[in-house]
Amino acid sequence: MGALDGRVALITGAGRGLGREHALLFARQGAKVVVNDLGGDTGGTGADATPAQQVVDEITAAGGEAVVNGDDVADTEGATRMVDQAVEAFGRLDVLVNNAGILRDRMLVNMSADEWDVVVRVHLRGHFLPLAAAARHWRERSKAGEALAASVINTTSTSGLFSNVGQANYGAAKSGIATLTEIAQKELGRYGVRCNAIAPAARTRLTLQTPGVGERMAERAKEAAFDRDDPANVAPFVAYLATEGCPIKGKTFFVYGNRVHLIKPWSFEDVIETTGRWEVEELAEAAAKWGAVEWDQGLPMGD
């Protein structure tokens, strides 16, 4: 018996990297999987169904059930087709894992509008459209009287939650995805849908583009018995969030190696107050202390 027996999952960007590991584990745990991947390069150019087909072939060879979908996650009709394909192939959709992504890193002063737009399109729009299509499917089933236990797992990033130089487009989109997750939970919970997000850290085509990252990951792999950067390490927590009985909703997690960290969302830290409306001179005296406030945002990547 698998933890996902009978569940039907749509996983975007599942031809390589994290998405591939999600799809393979989901299938081993008994899920029927729609493997979506446009098959472009890391910058979002081109299309190739081969990676998605290879994942499907691997799943079916092991006795699982899966189908290929090559639609663009940021295309309205394509996002709808993904959900429709799950229903046509397997009768319904239970789980959506939004994972597809690209990179166009550039410092702000050099970033073009096109580099901004294409990254925000794939990540933020590419999360919204499949989520909206799945939400319509679940709303219809809920209104028809069905008790649902649907699950959405979105993919944010530490670049969005904690910021990273050279990734204004990517970070802004990923921060938006975290907020989208919280709002989706508030809106879709009434239909029996749980929405969560992960910020994964792993060795993928995207992370290896960052100068020096590949070398550091290779060194870590040599020095330790457990390869913390293996993308397969992230999949078990995603699978758990996708299980029918998982009680977690509206949360964001940092998932790296053998660790899962619950991330606290935006919260109030301090306050200043006056009688009536502030004067600028008063604020200069009362608020200046915040200039010295710093937060330790060091990521827990070490031992």
Protein backbone atom coordinates (compact mmCIF):
# COMPACT_ATOMS: atom_id res chain seq x y z
CA MET A 1 0.00 0.00 0.00
CA GLY A 2 1.26 3.45 -0.91
CA ALA A 3 0.63 6.73 0.87
CA LEU A 4 -0.95 8.13 -2.31
CA ASP A 5 -2.93 5.11 -3.48
CA GLY A 6 -5.76 6.21 -5.74
CA ARG A 7 -4.74 9.88 -5.78
CA VAL A 8 -4.54 11.68 -9.14
CA ALA A 9 -1.78 14.29 -9.34
CA LEU A 10 -0.80 16.93 -11.86
CA ILE A 11 2.87 17.94 -11.50
CA THR A 12 4.22 20.81 -13.60
CA GLY A 13 7.83 21.00 -14.70
CA ALA A 14 8.11 17.27 -14.00
CA GLY A 15 10.49 16.32 -16.79
CA ARG A 16 13.66 17.08 -14.84
CA GLY A 17 15.02 18.01 -11.44
CA LEU A 18 12.67 18.39 -8.52
CA GLY A 19 9.53 17.81 -10.58
CA ARG A 20 10.89 14.54 -11.93
CA GLU A 21 11.61 13.30 -8.41
CA HIS A 22 8.13 14.34 -7.29
CA ALA A 23 6.52 12.44 -10.16
CA LEU A 24 8.56 9.27 -9.64
CA LEU A 25 7.90 9.16 -5.89
CA PHE A 26 4.21 9.96 -6.30
CA ALA A 27 3.90 7.05 -8.72
CA ARG A 28 5.79 4.69 -6.39
CA GLN A 29 3.38 5.73 -3.63
CA GLY A 30 0.40 4.77 -5.78
CA ALA A 31 -0.63 8.04 -7.42
CA LYS A 32 -1.66 8.37 -11.04
CA VAL A 33 0.37 11.23 -12.49
CA VAL A 34 -0.01 13.81 -15.24
CA VAL A 35 3.61 14.68 -16.03
CA ASN A 36 3.64 18.22 -17.38
CA ASP A 37 6.75 19.73 -18.94
CA LEU A 38 7.09 22.11 -21.86
CA GLY A 39 10.68 20.92 -22.20
CA GLY A 40 12.37 24.28 -22.70
CA ASP A 41 15.83 25.31 -21.57
CA THR A 42 16.56 26.98 -18.22
CA GLY A 43 15.73 30.38 -19.70
CA GLY A 44 12.34 29.26 -20.97
CA THR A 45 13.25 28.92 -24.64
CA GLY A 46 12.22 25.99 -26.82
CA ALA A 47 10.03 22.94 -26.28
CA ASP A 48 10.78 19.23 -26.13
CA ALA A 49 8.45 16.48 -24.94
CA THR A 50 11.31 14.03 -24.44
CA PRO A 51 12.03 14.68 -20.72
CA ALA A 52 8.36 14.30 -19.74
CA GLN A 53 8.00 11.20 -21.89
CA GLN A 54 11.06 9.64 -20.27
CA VAL A 55 9.54 10.16 -16.83
CA VAL A 56 6.25 8.62 -17.96
CA ASP A 57 8.11 5.68 -19.49
CA GLU A 58 10.00 5.12 -16.24
CA ILE A 59 6.76 5.21 -14.24
CA THR A 60 4.88 2.83 -16.54
CA ALA A 61 7.86 0.46 -16.74
CA ALA A 62 7.68 0.15 -12.96
CA GLY A 63 3.96 -0.64 -13.13
CA GLY A 64 2.61 2.83 -12.43
CA GLU A 65 0.18 5.00 -14.36
CA ALA A 66 1.15 8.32 -15.95
CA VAL A 67 0.51 10.47 -19.02
CA VAL A 68 2.50 13.23 -20.70
CA ASN A 69 1.32 16.82 -20.92
CA GLY A 70 3.39 19.35 -22.86
CA ASP A 71 1.33 22.49 -22.29
CA ASP A 72 2.73 25.86 -21.24
CA VAL A 73 1.84 26.50 -17.58
CA ALA A 74 1.46 30.22 -18.30
CA ASP A 75 -1.02 29.73 -21.13
CA THR A 76 -4.67 29.99 -20.11
CA GLU A 77 -5.96 27.28 -22.42
CA GLY A 78 -2.95 25.09 -21.70
CA ALA A 79 -3.54 25.23 -17.95
CA THR A 80 -7.15 24.23 -18.47
CA ARG A 81 -6.10 21.35 -20.73
CA MET A 82 -3.83 19.97 -18.01
CA VAL A 83 -6.69 19.64 -15.57
CA ASP A 84 -9.01 18.33 -18.28
CA GLN A 85 -6.41 15.72 -19.22
CA ALA A 86 -6.22 14.47 -15.62
CA VAL A 87 -10.00 14.10 -15.57
CA GLU A 88 -10.12 12.41 -18.97
CA ALA A 89 -7.27 10.01 -18.20
CA PHE A 90 -7.98 9.21 -14.56
CA GLY A 91 -11.48 10.48 -13.73
CA ARG A 92 -10.59 13.46 -11.53
CA LEU A 93 -7.78 15.55 -10.05
CA ASP A 94 -6.78 15.36 -6.37
CA VAL A 95 -3.36 17.01 -6.22
CA LEU A 96 -1.67 19.90 -7.99
CA VAL A 97 2.07 20.41 -7.61
CA ASN A 98 3.15 23.69 -9.19
CA ASN A 99 6.86 23.28 -9.85
CA ALA A 100 7.72 24.61 -13.33
CA GLY A 101 10.23 27.45 -13.48
CA ILE A 102 12.99 29.24 -15.35
CA LEU A 103 15.77 31.75 -14.63
CA ARG A 104 16.91 34.98 -16.29
CA ASP A 105 19.26 36.33 -13.61
CA ARG A 106 20.49 39.89 -14.00
CA MET A 107 21.30 42.85 -11.77
CA LEU A 108 18.49 45.42 -11.65
CA VAL A 109 20.42 48.08 -13.56
CA ASN A 110 20.94 45.65 -16.45
CA MET A 111 17.68 43.67 -16.37
CA SER A 112 15.46 44.17 -19.40
CA ALA A 113 11.68 44.38 -19.25
CA ASP A 114 11.52 41.15 -21.23
CA GLU A 115 13.74 39.36 -18.70
CA TRP A 116 11.45 40.55 -15.95
CA ASP A 117 8.26 39.65 -17.79
CA VAL A 118 9.19 36.14 -18.89
CA VAL A 119 10.30 35.03 -15.41
CA VAL A 120 7.24 36.50 -13.69
CA ARG A 121 5.08 34.95 -16.42
CA VAL A 122 6.38 31.41 -15.97
CA HIS A 123 6.57 31.44 -12.17
CA LEU A 124 3.72 33.61 -10.92
CA ARG A 125 1.27 33.40 -13.83
CA GLY A 126 2.37 29.78 -14.28
CA HIS A 127 1.27 29.04 -10.72
CA PHE A 128 -1.94 31.05 -10.90
CA LEU A 129 -3.38 29.52 -14.07
CA PRO A 130 -3.09 25.80 -13.18
CA LEU A 131 -4.27 26.64 -9.65
CA ALA A 132 -7.29 28.52 -10.95
CA ALA A 133 -8.17 25.71 -13.37
CA ALA A 134 -7.85 23.11 -10.61
CA ALA A 135 -9.88 25.30 -8.24
CA ARG A 136 -12.76 25.44 -10.71
CA HIS A 137 -12.69 21.66 -10.99
CA TRP A 138 -12.75 21.25 -7.21
CA ARG A 139 -15.47 23.85 -6.73
CA GLU A 140 -17.72 22.02 -9.16
CA ARG A 141 -17.18 18.72 -7.38
CA SER A 142 -17.74 20.31 -3.97
CA LYS A 143 -20.95 22.01 -5.07
CA ALA A 144 -22.14 18.67 -6.43
CA GLY A 145 -21.96 17.36 -2.87
CA GLU A 146 -18.62 15.57 -2.94
CA ALA A 147 -16.42 15.76 0.18
CA LEU A 148 -12.94 16.60 -1.08
CA ALA A 149 -9.45 16.19 0.32
CA ALA A 150 -7.60 18.00 -2.47
CA SER A 151 -4.08 19.33 -2.08
CA VAL A 152 -2.00 22.07 -3.71
CA ILE A 153 1.76 22.31 -3.24
CA ASN A 154 3.29 25.45 -4.69
CA THR A 155 7.00 26.11 -5.13
CA THR A 156 8.37 29.34 -3.73
CA SER A 157 12.06 30.02 -3.02
CA THR A 158 14.40 31.43 -0.43
CA SER A 159 15.25 34.01 -3.12
CA GLY A 160 11.74 35.33 -2.70
CA LEU A 161 11.36 34.83 1.04
CA PHE A 162 14.80 36.08 2.07
CA SER A 163 15.98 37.83 -1.14
CA ASN A 164 19.02 37.20 -3.32
CA VAL A 165 21.16 39.58 -5.34
CA GLY A 166 20.69 39.33 -9.11
CA GLN A 167 17.26 37.70 -8.91
CA ALA A 168 14.79 40.58 -8.66
CA ASN A 169 12.48 38.99 -11.24
CA TYR A 170 12.68 35.48 -9.83
CA GLY A 171 12.55 36.59 -6.19
CA ALA A 172 9.58 38.88 -6.71
CA ALA A 173 7.66 36.09 -8.44
CA LYS A 174 8.54 33.56 -5.76
CA SER A 175 7.53 35.93 -2.96
CA GLY A 176 4.23 36.39 -4.77
CA ILE A 177 3.76 32.62 -4.91
CA ALA A 178 4.07 32.38 -1.12
CA THR A 179 1.37 35.01 -0.70
CA LEU A 180 -0.77 33.40 -3.41
CA THR A 181 -0.62 30.18 -1.40
CA GLU A 182 -1.96 31.83 1.75
CA ILE A 183 -4.77 33.58 -0.13
CA ALA A 184 -5.67 30.40 -2.02
CA GLN A 185 -5.99 28.56 1.29
CA LYS A 186 -8.36 31.20 2.64
CA GLU A 187 -10.49 31.03 -0.50
CA LEU A 188 -10.42 27.31 -1.33
CA GLY A 189 -10.54 25.76 2.13
CA ARG A 190 -14.34 25.83 1.98
CA TYR A 191 -14.20 23.36 -0.91
CA GLY A 192 -11.96 20.88 0.89
CA VAL A 193 -8.68 22.08 -0.62
CA ARG A 194 -5.41 22.42 1.31
CA CYS A 195 -2.77 24.80 -0.07
CA ASN A 196 0.86 24.82 1.05
CA ALA A 197 4.19 25.93 -0.39
CA ILE A 198 7.75 24.68 -0.24
CA ALA A 199 11.01 26.57 -0.69
CA PRO A 200 13.32 23.74 -1.76
CA ALA A 201 17.10 23.65 -1.84
CA ALA A 202 18.62 21.03 -4.13
CA ARG A 203 20.95 20.38 -7.06
CA THR A 204 18.97 21.22 -10.22
CA ARG A 205 19.55 22.77 -13.62
CA LEU A 206 18.49 26.13 -12.21
CA THR A 207 20.56 26.16 -9.03
CA LEU A 208 23.66 24.96 -10.89
CA GLN A 209 23.53 28.11 -13.02
CA THR A 210 24.59 30.22 -10.04
CA PRO A 211 28.39 30.68 -10.12
CA GLY A 212 30.14 28.57 -7.50
CA VAL A 213 27.05 26.63 -6.42
CA GLY A 214 27.88 23.49 -8.40
CA GLU A 215 31.37 23.34 -6.96
CA ARG A 216 30.12 23.74 -3.39
CA MET A 217 27.49 21.07 -3.86
CA ALA A 218 30.05 18.69 -5.34
CA GLU A 219 32.34 19.20 -2.36
CA ARG A 220 29.51 18.61 0.10
CA ALA A 221 28.58 15.39 -1.68
CA LYS A 222 32.18 14.13 -1.42
CA GLU A 223 32.58 14.97 2.23
CA ALA A 224 29.33 13.53 3.61
CA ALA A 225 27.74 10.09 3.61
CA PHE A 226 24.36 11.70 2.90
CA ASP A 227 24.03 13.90 -0.20
CA ARG A 228 21.90 16.75 1.12
CA ASP A 229 21.66 18.39 -2.30
CA ASP A 230 20.02 15.44 -4.04
CA PRO A 231 16.64 16.69 -5.37
CA ALA A 232 15.08 13.36 -4.38
CA ASN A 233 15.34 14.51 -0.75
CA VAL A 234 12.59 17.09 -1.29
CA ALA A 235 9.98 14.77 -2.78
CA PRO A 236 8.93 12.88 0.39
CA PHE A 237 7.65 16.03 2.11
CA VAL A 238 5.79 17.07 -1.03
CA ALA A 239 4.23 13.60 -1.13
CA TYR A 240 3.23 13.89 2.51
CA LEU A 241 1.53 17.24 1.88
CA ALA A 242 -0.35 15.52 -0.97
CA THR A 243 -1.72 12.69 1.16
CA GLU A 244 -5.44 12.62 1.81
CA GLY A 245 -5.11 12.82 5.58
CA CYS A 246 -2.44 15.50 5.90
CA PRO A 247 -3.78 18.22 8.27
CA ILE A 248 -1.37 21.00 7.20
CA LYS A 249 -2.75 23.99 5.30
CA GLY A 250 -1.70 27.54 4.45
CA LYS A 251 1.93 26.99 5.43
CA THR A 252 5.32 27.51 3.78
CA PHE A 253 8.34 25.28 4.40
CA PHE A 254 12.06 25.31 3.64
CA VAL A 255 12.99 21.78 2.57
CA TYR A 256 16.64 20.83 2.32
CA GLY A 257 18.34 17.46 2.68
CA ASN A 258 16.96 15.72 5.75
CA ARG A 259 15.48 18.88 7.27
CA VAL A 260 12.09 20.58 6.96
CA HIS A 261 11.75 24.07 8.45
CA LEU A 262 8.38 25.74 9.03
CA ILE A 263 8.70 29.37 7.90
CA LYS A 264 6.96 32.11 9.83
CA PRO A 265 5.13 34.56 7.53
CA TRP A 266 5.27 38.35 7.71
CA SER A 267 4.52 39.54 11.24
CA PHE A 268 4.66 42.74 13.29
CA GLU A 269 7.93 43.32 15.13
CA ASP A 270 7.72 46.73 16.85
CA VAL A 271 5.52 49.83 17.01
CA ILE A 272 5.72 53.53 17.69
CA GLU A 273 2.66 55.62 18.48
CA THR A 274 1.75 59.24 19.08
CA THR A 275 -1.35 61.26 19.93
CA GLY A 276 -3.15 62.22 16.73
CA ARG A 277 -1.20 62.61 13.48
CA TRP A 278 2.57 62.27 13.40
CA GLU A 279 4.82 65.22 12.61
CA VAL A 280 7.87 64.47 10.46
CA GLU A 281 10.17 65.87 13.14
CA GLU A 282 8.63 63.54 15.73
CA LEU A 283 9.11 60.55 13.44
CA ALA A 284 12.72 61.50 12.91
CA GLU A 285 13.22 61.05 16.62
CA ALA A 286 10.96 58.06 17.27
CA ALA A 287 11.54 55.92 14.17
CA ALA A 288 15.27 56.44 13.64
CA LYS A 289 16.03 53.49 15.93
CA TRP A 290 14.79 51.14 13.21
CA GLY A 291 17.73 52.08 11.02
CA ALA A 292 19.91 49.92 13.26
CA VAL A 293 17.57 46.92 13.32
CA GLU A 294 18.90 43.86 11.51
CA TRP A 295 17.60 40.32 11.17
CA ASP A 296 19.65 37.18 10.86
CA GLN A 297 18.36 35.63 7.63
CA GLY A 298 21.16 33.11 7.30
CA LEU A 299 19.77 29.97 5.72
CA PRO A 300 20.19 26.74 7.71
CA MET A 301 22.29 24.98 5.08
CA GLY A 302 25.15 23.81 7.29
CA ASP A 303 25.48 21.14 9.96
